[in-house]
Amino acid sequence: MYKGTNKIALVSKQAIQKALIALMDEKDYQEITISELCKKAQISRQTFYSLFQTKEAALLDAIPRCEFSSEGSSEQRCSRFYDYLFDNYHILSLLAENGMLHLIFHSLRSSVIESERGIRSMNLRDRLYTGTFIACALVGVAMVFISNQGSDSREYLVKRLKKLFNGDIF
């Protein structure tokens, strides 16, 4: 995947991502071809492959990274996650419709594992288990939020997440 700063390449990347999301509004992700994507983005196949190796790589790059670090209070972390769900509802609902919501798992997991406080003091093995557990829980919460069509309020979801993370459920 292209990581440079060439303005023309960055504009092409953005065009590909917008085209992919627009096509996902029309049909299932699996039905979208690279040729169709290039045509919609008004770029050549050569340009596509110079920026991305696969269609999935383009989709992964289009998904905003979810930060769930240990910074701030538990309420602030839960609030940030609600903002992520709310602000990215459209693309997250497309991922859910296509059975691909798991794609946010990796950004959530790395965000938790790389956080500066709390989990950072754990050994790597414990960080991996903890990060995986939290990321899976958050993907599950995202699934429910989307199945409820984003209708859950900030107050409700933040309160529910705080209870989960404080261990007030079991």
N, C-alpha and C. Protein backbone atom coordinates (compact mmCIF):
# COMPACT_ATOMS: atom_id res chain seq x y z
N MET A 1 0.84 -1.17 0.00
CA MET A 1 0.00 0.00 0.00
C MET A 1 0.89 1.24 0.00
N TYR A 2 0.46 2.23 -0.74
CA TYR A 2 1.23 3.46 -0.89
C TYR A 2 1.21 4.26 0.41
N LYS A 3 2.39 4.67 0.88
CA LYS A 3 2.51 5.44 2.12
C LYS A 3 3.18 6.80 1.89
N GLY A 4 3.40 7.16 0.64
CA GLY A 4 4.12 8.39 0.33
C GLY A 4 3.27 9.64 0.48
N THR A 5 3.81 10.75 -0.01
CA THR A 5 3.14 12.04 0.13
C THR A 5 2.84 12.72 -1.21
N ASN A 6 3.05 12.01 -2.32
CA ASN A 6 2.78 12.57 -3.63
C ASN A 6 1.30 12.95 -3.72
N LYS A 7 1.04 14.22 -4.01
CA LYS A 7 -0.33 14.73 -3.99
C LYS A 7 -1.24 14.03 -5.00
N ILE A 8 -0.72 13.73 -6.17
CA ILE A 8 -1.53 13.07 -7.19
C ILE A 8 -1.90 11.66 -6.73
N ALA A 9 -0.94 10.95 -6.14
CA ALA A 9 -1.21 9.61 -5.62
C ALA A 9 -2.23 9.66 -4.49
N LEU A 10 -2.12 10.64 -3.63
CA LEU A 10 -3.06 10.76 -2.51
C LEU A 10 -4.47 11.08 -3.00
N VAL A 11 -4.58 11.90 -4.03
CA VAL A 11 -5.89 12.19 -4.62
C VAL A 11 -6.47 10.92 -5.24
N SER A 12 -5.63 10.15 -5.90
CA SER A 12 -6.09 8.88 -6.49
C SER A 12 -6.53 7.90 -5.41
N LYS A 13 -5.80 7.82 -4.31
CA LYS A 13 -6.19 6.95 -3.19
C LYS A 13 -7.56 7.34 -2.67
N GLN A 14 -7.76 8.63 -2.51
CA GLN A 14 -9.03 9.13 -2.00
C GLN A 14 -10.17 8.82 -2.98
N ALA A 15 -9.89 8.96 -4.27
CA ALA A 15 -10.90 8.66 -5.30
C ALA A 15 -11.27 7.17 -5.27
N ILE A 16 -10.29 6.32 -5.08
CA ILE A 16 -10.53 4.87 -5.00
C ILE A 16 -11.40 4.56 -3.79
N GLN A 17 -11.06 5.15 -2.66
CA GLN A 17 -11.81 4.88 -1.43
C GLN A 17 -13.26 5.37 -1.54
N LYS A 18 -13.44 6.57 -2.09
CA LYS A 18 -14.80 7.09 -2.27
C LYS A 18 -15.59 6.21 -3.24
N ALA A 19 -14.94 5.79 -4.31
CA ALA A 19 -15.61 4.94 -5.30
C ALA A 19 -15.98 3.60 -4.68
N LEU A 20 -15.11 3.04 -3.89
CA LEU A 20 -15.38 1.75 -3.25
C LEU A 20 -16.57 1.85 -2.30
N ILE A 21 -16.62 2.89 -1.52
CA ILE A 21 -17.75 3.08 -0.60
C ILE A 21 -19.04 3.29 -1.40
N ALA A 22 -18.97 4.09 -2.46
CA ALA A 22 -20.15 4.32 -3.31
C ALA A 22 -20.63 3.02 -3.94
N LEU A 23 -19.72 2.20 -4.40
CA LEU A 23 -20.10 0.91 -4.99
C LEU A 23 -20.69 -0.03 -3.94
N MET A 24 -20.16 0.02 -2.72
CA MET A 24 -20.70 -0.81 -1.64
C MET A 24 -22.10 -0.37 -1.25
N ASP A 25 -22.44 0.89 -1.52
CA ASP A 25 -23.82 1.35 -1.31
C ASP A 25 -24.77 0.70 -2.31
N GLU A 26 -24.23 0.30 -3.46
CA GLU A 26 -25.04 -0.25 -4.54
C GLU A 26 -25.09 -1.77 -4.55
N LYS A 27 -24.02 -2.42 -4.11
CA LYS A 27 -23.95 -3.88 -4.20
C LYS A 27 -23.01 -4.45 -3.15
N ASP A 28 -23.01 -5.77 -3.02
CA ASP A 28 -22.13 -6.44 -2.06
C ASP A 28 -20.67 -6.24 -2.45
N TYR A 29 -19.84 -6.16 -1.44
CA TYR A 29 -18.40 -5.98 -1.64
C TYR A 29 -17.82 -7.06 -2.56
N GLN A 30 -18.23 -8.30 -2.37
CA GLN A 30 -17.69 -9.42 -3.16
C GLN A 30 -18.01 -9.29 -4.66
N GLU A 31 -19.06 -8.57 -4.99
CA GLU A 31 -19.46 -8.40 -6.39
C GLU A 31 -18.71 -7.28 -7.11
N ILE A 32 -17.98 -6.47 -6.37
CA ILE A 32 -17.26 -5.33 -6.94
C ILE A 32 -15.95 -5.82 -7.54
N THR A 33 -15.73 -5.48 -8.80
CA THR A 33 -14.47 -5.88 -9.46
C THR A 33 -13.49 -4.69 -9.44
N ILE A 34 -12.23 -5.03 -9.60
CA ILE A 34 -11.20 -3.98 -9.67
C ILE A 34 -11.47 -3.08 -10.88
N SER A 35 -11.85 -3.68 -12.00
CA SER A 35 -12.14 -2.88 -13.20
C SER A 35 -13.27 -1.89 -12.95
N GLU A 36 -14.32 -2.37 -12.31
CA GLU A 36 -15.46 -1.51 -12.00
C GLU A 36 -15.04 -0.39 -11.03
N LEU A 37 -14.24 -0.74 -10.07
CA LEU A 37 -13.75 0.23 -9.09
C LEU A 37 -12.89 1.30 -9.77
N CYS A 38 -12.01 0.88 -10.66
CA CYS A 38 -11.15 1.83 -11.38
C CYS A 38 -11.98 2.77 -12.26
N LYS A 39 -12.97 2.20 -12.90
CA LYS A 39 -13.84 3.02 -13.76
C LYS A 39 -14.58 4.07 -12.93
N LYS A 40 -15.13 3.65 -11.80
CA LYS A 40 -15.87 4.57 -10.93
C LYS A 40 -14.95 5.65 -10.37
N ALA A 41 -13.70 5.28 -10.05
CA ALA A 41 -12.74 6.23 -9.48
C ALA A 41 -12.05 7.07 -10.56
N GLN A 42 -12.27 6.70 -11.81
CA GLN A 42 -11.66 7.37 -12.97
C GLN A 42 -10.13 7.32 -12.89
N ILE A 43 -9.64 6.12 -12.63
CA ILE A 43 -8.19 5.89 -12.61
C ILE A 43 -7.91 4.60 -13.39
N SER A 44 -6.67 4.40 -13.76
CA SER A 44 -6.30 3.18 -14.48
C SER A 44 -6.04 2.04 -13.49
N ARG A 45 -6.08 0.80 -14.01
CA ARG A 45 -5.73 -0.36 -13.19
C ARG A 45 -4.29 -0.24 -12.69
N GLN A 46 -3.43 0.28 -13.53
CA GLN A 46 -2.03 0.45 -13.16
C GLN A 46 -1.92 1.38 -11.94
N THR A 47 -2.70 2.46 -11.95
CA THR A 47 -2.70 3.38 -10.81
C THR A 47 -3.21 2.66 -9.56
N PHE A 48 -4.29 1.90 -9.72
CA PHE A 48 -4.83 1.16 -8.57
C PHE A 48 -3.75 0.28 -7.96
N TYR A 49 -3.10 -0.53 -8.81
CA TYR A 49 -2.12 -1.48 -8.30
C TYR A 49 -0.82 -0.83 -7.84
N SER A 50 -0.59 0.40 -8.23
CA SER A 50 0.58 1.10 -7.69
C SER A 50 0.28 1.63 -6.28
N LEU A 51 -1.00 1.74 -5.95
CA LEU A 51 -1.40 2.24 -4.64
C LEU A 51 -1.81 1.13 -3.67
N PHE A 52 -2.47 0.10 -4.18
CA PHE A 52 -2.98 -1.00 -3.35
C PHE A 52 -2.69 -2.33 -4.03
N GLN A 53 -2.42 -3.35 -3.24
CA GLN A 53 -2.21 -4.67 -3.80
C GLN A 53 -3.54 -5.37 -4.09
N THR A 54 -4.55 -5.07 -3.26
CA THR A 54 -5.84 -5.74 -3.38
C THR A 54 -6.97 -4.76 -3.09
N LYS A 55 -8.16 -5.20 -3.42
CA LYS A 55 -9.37 -4.44 -3.11
C LYS A 55 -9.54 -4.34 -1.59
N GLU A 56 -9.22 -5.42 -0.87
CA GLU A 56 -9.32 -5.40 0.59
C GLU A 56 -8.36 -4.37 1.20
N ALA A 57 -7.17 -4.25 0.62
CA ALA A 57 -6.21 -3.25 1.12
C ALA A 57 -6.79 -1.84 0.96
N ALA A 58 -7.48 -1.60 -0.15
CA ALA A 58 -8.11 -0.29 -0.36
C ALA A 58 -9.21 -0.06 0.67
N LEU A 59 -9.98 -1.11 0.96
CA LEU A 59 -11.05 -1.00 1.95
C LEU A 59 -10.47 -0.76 3.34
N LEU A 60 -9.45 -1.51 3.69
CA LEU A 60 -8.81 -1.32 4.99
C LEU A 60 -8.30 0.11 5.16
N ASP A 61 -7.74 0.65 4.10
CA ASP A 61 -7.22 2.02 4.15
C ASP A 61 -8.35 3.05 4.25
N ALA A 62 -9.53 2.69 3.78
CA ALA A 62 -10.67 3.60 3.80
C ALA A 62 -11.35 3.65 5.17
N ILE A 63 -11.12 2.62 5.98
CA ILE A 63 -11.77 2.55 7.29
C ILE A 63 -10.99 3.43 8.27
N PRO A 64 -11.65 4.42 8.84
CA PRO A 64 -10.94 5.26 9.82
C PRO A 64 -10.44 4.42 10.99
N ARG A 65 -9.25 4.72 11.44
CA ARG A 65 -8.65 3.99 12.56
C ARG A 65 -9.40 4.34 13.84
N CYS A 66 -9.70 3.33 14.60
CA CYS A 66 -10.38 3.54 15.88
C CYS A 66 -9.35 3.55 16.99
N GLU A 67 -9.28 4.63 17.72
CA GLU A 67 -8.36 4.76 18.85
C GLU A 67 -9.12 4.46 20.13
N PHE A 68 -8.65 3.48 20.85
CA PHE A 68 -9.23 3.17 22.16
C PHE A 68 -8.09 2.98 23.14
N SER A 69 -7.31 4.02 23.29
CA SER A 69 -6.16 3.93 24.17
C SER A 69 -6.60 4.11 25.62
N SER A 70 -5.66 3.93 26.51
CA SER A 70 -5.98 4.05 27.94
C SER A 70 -5.92 5.50 28.40
N GLU A 71 -5.74 6.43 27.48
CA GLU A 71 -5.65 7.84 27.87
C GLU A 71 -7.00 8.35 28.33
N GLY A 72 -7.00 9.13 29.40
CA GLY A 72 -8.22 9.72 29.92
C GLY A 72 -8.97 8.76 30.83
N SER A 73 -10.08 9.25 31.34
CA SER A 73 -10.91 8.44 32.23
C SER A 73 -11.65 7.38 31.43
N SER A 74 -12.25 6.42 32.14
CA SER A 74 -13.01 5.39 31.44
C SER A 74 -14.19 6.02 30.70
N GLU A 75 -14.78 7.06 31.27
CA GLU A 75 -15.88 7.74 30.59
C GLU A 75 -15.40 8.39 29.30
N GLN A 76 -14.22 9.01 29.32
CA GLN A 76 -13.68 9.64 28.11
C GLN A 76 -13.38 8.59 27.04
N ARG A 77 -12.83 7.46 27.44
CA ARG A 77 -12.54 6.39 26.46
C ARG A 77 -13.83 5.87 25.84
N CYS A 78 -14.83 5.65 26.68
CA CYS A 78 -16.11 5.15 26.18
C CYS A 78 -16.79 6.19 25.29
N SER A 79 -16.65 7.44 25.65
CA SER A 79 -17.20 8.53 24.84
C SER A 79 -16.53 8.58 23.47
N ARG A 80 -15.20 8.42 23.45
CA ARG A 80 -14.46 8.42 22.17
C ARG A 80 -14.92 7.26 21.29
N PHE A 81 -15.18 6.12 21.90
CA PHE A 81 -15.65 4.98 21.11
C PHE A 81 -17.04 5.24 20.55
N TYR A 82 -17.92 5.85 21.35
CA TYR A 82 -19.23 6.21 20.85
C TYR A 82 -19.08 7.17 19.66
N ASP A 83 -18.21 8.16 19.80
CA ASP A 83 -17.98 9.12 18.70
C ASP A 83 -17.52 8.39 17.45
N TYR A 84 -16.63 7.41 17.61
CA TYR A 84 -16.15 6.64 16.46
C TYR A 84 -17.32 5.92 15.79
N LEU A 85 -18.16 5.26 16.57
CA LEU A 85 -19.31 4.55 16.01
C LEU A 85 -20.26 5.52 15.31
N PHE A 86 -20.55 6.63 15.96
CA PHE A 86 -21.49 7.60 15.42
C PHE A 86 -20.94 8.27 14.16
N ASP A 87 -19.69 8.73 14.24
CA ASP A 87 -19.08 9.45 13.11
C ASP A 87 -18.84 8.57 11.90
N ASN A 88 -18.66 7.28 12.11
CA ASN A 88 -18.35 6.35 11.02
C ASN A 88 -19.46 5.34 10.77
N TYR A 89 -20.67 5.71 11.18
CA TYR A 89 -21.80 4.79 11.08
C TYR A 89 -21.99 4.25 9.66
N HIS A 90 -21.87 5.10 8.68
CA HIS A 90 -22.13 4.68 7.30
C HIS A 90 -21.18 3.57 6.86
N ILE A 91 -19.89 3.80 6.99
CA ILE A 91 -18.94 2.78 6.54
C ILE A 91 -19.01 1.54 7.43
N LEU A 92 -19.26 1.71 8.72
CA LEU A 92 -19.37 0.56 9.61
C LEU A 92 -20.61 -0.27 9.27
N SER A 93 -21.69 0.39 8.91
CA SER A 93 -22.89 -0.37 8.53
C SER A 93 -22.67 -1.11 7.21
N LEU A 94 -21.90 -0.53 6.30
CA LEU A 94 -21.56 -1.24 5.06
C LEU A 94 -20.71 -2.47 5.36
N LEU A 95 -19.77 -2.31 6.28
CA LEU A 95 -18.94 -3.46 6.68
C LEU A 95 -19.82 -4.54 7.31
N ALA A 96 -20.75 -4.15 8.17
CA ALA A 96 -21.64 -5.11 8.82
C ALA A 96 -22.50 -5.84 7.79
N GLU A 97 -23.06 -5.09 6.83
CA GLU A 97 -23.89 -5.70 5.79
C GLU A 97 -23.12 -6.73 4.97
N ASN A 98 -21.82 -6.52 4.84
CA ASN A 98 -20.98 -7.41 4.05
C ASN A 98 -20.24 -8.43 4.92
N GLY A 99 -20.61 -8.52 6.19
CA GLY A 99 -19.98 -9.49 7.09
C GLY A 99 -18.50 -9.20 7.31
N MET A 100 -18.12 -7.92 7.31
CA MET A 100 -16.70 -7.54 7.39
C MET A 100 -16.40 -6.60 8.55
N LEU A 101 -17.27 -6.53 9.52
CA LEU A 101 -17.03 -5.63 10.64
C LEU A 101 -15.77 -6.01 11.42
N HIS A 102 -15.37 -7.24 11.29
CA HIS A 102 -14.13 -7.69 11.95
C HIS A 102 -12.91 -6.89 11.50
N LEU A 103 -13.00 -6.18 10.39
CA LEU A 103 -11.86 -5.41 9.90
C LEU A 103 -11.46 -4.29 10.84
N ILE A 104 -12.38 -3.83 11.71
CA ILE A 104 -11.98 -2.80 12.67
C ILE A 104 -11.25 -3.42 13.87
N PHE A 105 -11.32 -4.74 13.99
CA PHE A 105 -10.68 -5.43 15.11
C PHE A 105 -9.20 -5.08 15.23
N HIS A 106 -8.48 -5.11 14.12
CA HIS A 106 -7.04 -4.92 14.17
C HIS A 106 -6.65 -3.51 14.65
N SER A 107 -7.38 -2.50 14.19
CA SER A 107 -7.04 -1.15 14.65
C SER A 107 -7.38 -0.99 16.13
N LEU A 108 -8.48 -1.59 16.56
CA LEU A 108 -8.84 -1.53 17.98
C LEU A 108 -7.79 -2.25 18.83
N ARG A 109 -7.42 -3.44 18.40
CA ARG A 109 -6.46 -4.24 19.16
C ARG A 109 -5.11 -3.53 19.28
N SER A 110 -4.61 -3.03 18.16
CA SER A 110 -3.31 -2.35 18.23
C SER A 110 -3.41 -1.07 19.04
N SER A 111 -4.53 -0.38 18.97
CA SER A 111 -4.72 0.83 19.77
C SER A 111 -4.64 0.51 21.26
N VAL A 112 -5.28 -0.56 21.67
CA VAL A 112 -5.26 -0.96 23.08
C VAL A 112 -3.86 -1.42 23.48
N ILE A 113 -3.25 -2.25 22.67
CA ILE A 113 -1.93 -2.80 22.98
C ILE A 113 -0.86 -1.71 23.05
N GLU A 114 -0.98 -0.71 22.19
CA GLU A 114 0.03 0.35 22.12
C GLU A 114 -0.24 1.51 23.07
N SER A 115 -1.33 1.45 23.84
CA SER A 115 -1.66 2.57 24.70
C SER A 115 -0.56 2.81 25.73
N GLU A 116 -0.47 4.04 26.16
CA GLU A 116 0.65 4.48 26.99
C GLU A 116 0.54 4.06 28.45
N ARG A 117 -0.67 3.93 28.96
CA ARG A 117 -0.82 3.64 30.39
C ARG A 117 -1.44 2.27 30.60
N GLY A 118 -1.46 1.83 31.81
CA GLY A 118 -2.15 0.61 32.18
C GLY A 118 -1.60 -0.63 31.52
N ILE A 119 -2.15 -0.98 30.40
CA ILE A 119 -1.78 -2.19 29.70
C ILE A 119 -0.32 -2.18 29.24
N ARG A 120 0.23 -1.00 29.03
CA ARG A 120 1.61 -0.87 28.55
C ARG A 120 2.61 -1.47 29.55
N SER A 121 2.25 -1.48 30.82
CA SER A 121 3.16 -2.02 31.84
C SER A 121 3.12 -3.54 31.89
N MET A 122 2.17 -4.15 31.19
CA MET A 122 2.07 -5.62 31.16
C MET A 122 3.14 -6.19 30.24
N ASN A 123 3.45 -7.47 30.44
CA ASN A 123 4.34 -8.13 29.48
C ASN A 123 3.58 -8.33 28.17
N LEU A 124 4.31 -8.60 27.10
CA LEU A 124 3.71 -8.69 25.77
C LEU A 124 2.59 -9.72 25.70
N ARG A 125 2.78 -10.87 26.28
CA ARG A 125 1.78 -11.94 26.24
C ARG A 125 0.47 -11.45 26.87
N ASP A 126 0.56 -10.82 28.05
CA ASP A 126 -0.63 -10.32 28.72
C ASP A 126 -1.29 -9.19 27.93
N ARG A 127 -0.47 -8.32 27.33
CA ARG A 127 -1.02 -7.23 26.50
C ARG A 127 -1.78 -7.79 25.32
N LEU A 128 -1.25 -8.84 24.69
CA LEU A 128 -1.93 -9.44 23.54
C LEU A 128 -3.28 -10.03 23.93
N TYR A 129 -3.32 -10.75 25.04
CA TYR A 129 -4.60 -11.32 25.49
C TYR A 129 -5.59 -10.21 25.87
N THR A 130 -5.11 -9.23 26.60
CA THR A 130 -5.98 -8.14 27.04
C THR A 130 -6.47 -7.32 25.85
N GLY A 131 -5.57 -6.96 24.95
CA GLY A 131 -5.94 -6.20 23.77
C GLY A 131 -6.93 -6.94 22.90
N THR A 132 -6.73 -8.25 22.76
CA THR A 132 -7.64 -9.06 21.95
C THR A 132 -9.02 -9.12 22.60
N PHE A 133 -9.06 -9.32 23.89
CA PHE A 133 -10.33 -9.38 24.62
C PHE A 133 -11.11 -8.08 24.47
N ILE A 134 -10.45 -6.96 24.70
CA ILE A 134 -11.11 -5.65 24.62
C ILE A 134 -11.56 -5.36 23.18
N ALA A 135 -10.71 -5.65 22.20
CA ALA A 135 -11.07 -5.40 20.80
C ALA A 135 -12.27 -6.23 20.38
N CYS A 136 -12.30 -7.49 20.79
CA CYS A 136 -13.45 -8.35 20.46
C CYS A 136 -14.73 -7.80 21.08
N ALA A 137 -14.63 -7.36 22.33
CA ALA A 137 -15.80 -6.79 23.00
C ALA A 137 -16.29 -5.55 22.26
N LEU A 138 -15.38 -4.69 21.83
CA LEU A 138 -15.76 -3.47 21.15
C LEU A 138 -16.35 -3.75 19.77
N VAL A 139 -15.83 -4.75 19.07
CA VAL A 139 -16.43 -5.12 17.77
C VAL A 139 -17.85 -5.63 18.00
N GLY A 140 -18.03 -6.40 19.07
CA GLY A 140 -19.38 -6.86 19.40
C GLY A 140 -20.32 -5.71 19.70
N VAL A 141 -19.84 -4.73 20.44
CA VAL A 141 -20.64 -3.54 20.74
C VAL A 141 -20.98 -2.81 19.44
N ALA A 142 -20.01 -2.70 18.55
CA ALA A 142 -20.26 -2.05 17.25
C ALA A 142 -21.35 -2.79 16.48
N MET A 143 -21.32 -4.12 16.52
CA MET A 143 -22.34 -4.91 15.82
C MET A 143 -23.74 -4.60 16.36
N VAL A 144 -23.87 -4.53 17.68
CA VAL A 144 -25.17 -4.24 18.28
C VAL A 144 -25.60 -2.81 17.95
N PHE A 145 -24.67 -1.86 18.05
CA PHE A 145 -24.97 -0.46 17.72
C PHE A 145 -25.51 -0.36 16.30
N ILE A 146 -24.88 -1.05 15.38
CA ILE A 146 -25.32 -1.00 13.97
C ILE A 146 -26.64 -1.73 13.79
N SER A 147 -26.81 -2.87 14.47
CA SER A 147 -28.08 -3.58 14.34
C SER A 147 -29.23 -2.76 14.92
N ASN A 148 -28.92 -1.88 15.87
CA ASN A 148 -29.92 -0.95 16.42
C ASN A 148 -30.01 0.32 15.58
N GLN A 149 -29.39 0.31 14.42
CA GLN A 149 -29.40 1.42 13.47
C GLN A 149 -28.87 2.72 14.07
N GLY A 150 -27.89 2.60 14.95
CA GLY A 150 -27.26 3.77 15.54
C GLY A 150 -28.17 4.58 16.43
N SER A 151 -29.23 3.94 16.93
CA SER A 151 -30.22 4.70 17.70
C SER A 151 -29.88 4.83 19.19
N ASP A 152 -28.90 4.09 19.66
CA ASP A 152 -28.54 4.19 21.08
C ASP A 152 -27.88 5.54 21.35
N SER A 153 -28.29 6.18 22.42
CA SER A 153 -27.75 7.49 22.75
C SER A 153 -26.34 7.38 23.31
N ARG A 154 -25.63 8.48 23.26
CA ARG A 154 -24.29 8.55 23.85
C ARG A 154 -24.38 8.17 25.33
N GLU A 155 -25.33 8.77 26.03
CA GLU A 155 -25.45 8.53 27.47
C GLU A 155 -25.65 7.05 27.76
N TYR A 156 -26.54 6.40 27.01
CA TYR A 156 -26.81 4.98 27.24
C TYR A 156 -25.56 4.13 26.96
N LEU A 157 -24.95 4.34 25.81
CA LEU A 157 -23.82 3.48 25.42
C LEU A 157 -22.60 3.71 26.30
N VAL A 158 -22.32 4.94 26.66
CA VAL A 158 -21.18 5.22 27.54
C VAL A 158 -21.41 4.56 28.90
N LYS A 159 -22.62 4.67 29.41
CA LYS A 159 -22.95 4.05 30.70
C LYS A 159 -22.79 2.53 30.62
N ARG A 160 -23.27 1.94 29.54
CA ARG A 160 -23.19 0.48 29.36
C ARG A 160 -21.73 0.05 29.23
N LEU A 161 -20.93 0.76 28.44
CA LEU A 161 -19.52 0.42 28.26
C LEU A 161 -18.75 0.55 29.58
N LYS A 162 -19.03 1.60 30.33
CA LYS A 162 -18.35 1.77 31.62
C LYS A 162 -18.65 0.59 32.55
N LYS A 163 -19.90 0.14 32.57
CA LYS A 163 -20.25 -1.02 33.40
C LYS A 163 -19.48 -2.26 32.95
N LEU A 164 -19.39 -2.43 31.65
CA LEU A 164 -18.66 -3.60 31.13
C LEU A 164 -17.19 -3.55 31.52
N PHE A 165 -16.57 -2.41 31.31
CA PHE A 165 -15.14 -2.29 31.56
C PHE A 165 -14.79 -2.20 33.04
N ASN A 166 -15.75 -1.81 33.86
CA ASN A 166 -15.50 -1.77 35.31
C ASN A 166 -15.82 -3.10 35.98
N GLY A 167 -16.30 -4.07 35.19
CA GLY A 167 -16.61 -5.38 35.75
C GLY A 167 -17.90 -5.42 36.55
N ASP A 168 -18.81 -4.48 36.28
CA ASP A 168 -20.06 -4.41 37.05
C ASP A 168 -21.16 -5.33 36.50
N ILE A 169 -20.83 -6.19 35.57
CA ILE A 169 -21.85 -7.02 34.94
C ILE A 169 -21.90 -8.43 35.56
N PHE A 170 -20.76 -9.02 35.78
CA PHE A 170 -20.71 -10.41 36.26
C PHE A 170 -20.76 -10.49 37.76
